[in-house]
């Protein structure tokens, strides 16, 4: 039995829970790809509420790396540039 190839999957937000448009799309792509690849997920975490779902992603991902954003500062930086 051959090992699955690795794949780096980057999203702009954590793809779980799939309750909004971009999260639904990202989660469905992630779920599909996880059948054929070992997924290494990189994403931003802009809502502290979503942090509770990190463990759920281990069902689909070999590793998860989230960069936590402080929303007010991220919005401010987006306006300045």
Protein backbone atom coordinates (compact mmCIF):
# COMPACT_ATOMS: atom_id res chain seq x y z
CA UNK A 1 0.00 0.00 0.00
CA UNK A 2 1.49 3.33 -1.02
CA UNK A 3 1.50 6.36 1.21
CA UNK A 4 -0.60 9.34 0.22
CA UNK A 5 1.28 12.31 -1.24
CA UNK A 6 1.48 15.48 0.84
CA UNK A 7 -0.45 18.60 -0.13
CA UNK A 8 -0.26 22.09 1.36
CA UNK A 9 -3.76 23.61 1.45
CA UNK A 10 -3.92 27.34 2.20
CA UNK A 11 -7.15 29.19 3.00
CA UNK A 12 -7.90 32.74 4.07
CA UNK A 13 -9.95 31.53 7.07
CA UNK A 14 -10.34 28.33 9.06
CA UNK A 15 -12.64 26.12 6.94
CA UNK A 16 -14.63 24.78 9.87
CA UNK A 17 -17.45 25.00 10.76
CA UNK A 18 -18.74 25.20 7.19
CA UNK A 19 -21.41 27.78 7.97
CA UNK A 20 -20.54 30.65 5.58
CA UNK A 21 -19.87 30.81 1.85
CA UNK A 22 -16.07 30.84 1.86
CA UNK A 23 -15.89 28.27 4.67
CA UNK A 24 -18.35 25.95 2.93
CA UNK A 25 -16.35 26.06 -0.30
CA UNK A 26 -12.99 25.59 1.44
CA UNK A 27 -14.28 22.75 3.61
CA UNK A 28 -15.75 20.84 0.67
CA UNK A 29 -12.51 21.16 -1.29
CA UNK A 30 -10.53 20.10 1.79
CA UNK A 31 -12.77 17.09 2.40
CA UNK A 32 -12.49 15.99 -1.24
CA UNK A 33 -8.71 16.39 -1.37
CA UNK A 34 -8.23 14.56 1.94
CA UNK A 35 -9.31 11.33 0.22
CA UNK A 36 -6.24 11.40 -2.03
CA UNK A 37 -3.66 13.48 -0.13
CA UNK A 38 -2.18 14.00 3.31
CA UNK A 39 -3.33 17.58 3.85
CA UNK A 40 -1.23 20.18 5.67
CA UNK A 41 -3.57 23.10 6.31
CA UNK A 42 -2.48 26.71 6.70
CA UNK A 43 -5.11 29.32 7.51
CA UNK A 44 -5.93 32.47 9.44
CA UNK A 45 -8.08 32.38 12.56
CA UNK A 46 -9.91 35.70 12.81
CA UNK A 47 -12.69 34.65 15.20
CA UNK A 48 -11.70 33.24 18.62
CA UNK A 49 -14.99 31.30 18.63
CA UNK A 50 -13.71 29.13 15.76
CA UNK A 51 -10.67 28.00 17.75
CA UNK A 52 -12.77 25.25 19.33
CA UNK A 53 -13.00 23.54 15.92
CA UNK A 54 -9.27 23.04 15.40
CA UNK A 55 -9.41 19.45 16.69
CA UNK A 56 -12.24 18.64 14.25
CA UNK A 57 -9.89 19.44 11.35
CA UNK A 58 -7.56 16.60 12.40
CA UNK A 59 -10.10 14.22 10.82
CA UNK A 60 -9.10 15.66 7.43
CA UNK A 61 -5.60 17.06 7.95
CA UNK A 62 -2.25 15.60 8.91
CA UNK A 63 -1.28 19.00 10.34
CA UNK A 64 -2.98 22.33 10.95
CA UNK A 65 -1.23 25.67 11.32
CA UNK A 66 -3.43 28.66 12.12
CA UNK A 67 -2.24 32.22 12.44
CA UNK A 68 -4.43 34.07 14.90
CA UNK A 69 -5.47 37.54 13.83
CA UNK A 70 -6.76 40.27 16.04
CA UNK A 71 -9.62 41.52 13.91
CA UNK A 72 -9.48 45.27 14.73
CA UNK A 73 -5.77 45.41 13.92
CA UNK A 74 -6.20 43.37 10.72
CA UNK A 75 -8.96 45.72 9.54
CA UNK A 76 -6.84 48.75 10.35
CA UNK A 77 -3.84 47.34 8.48
CA UNK A 78 -6.10 46.61 5.49
CA UNK A 79 -7.24 50.23 5.39
CA UNK A 80 -3.73 51.68 5.64
CA UNK A 81 -2.28 49.81 2.67
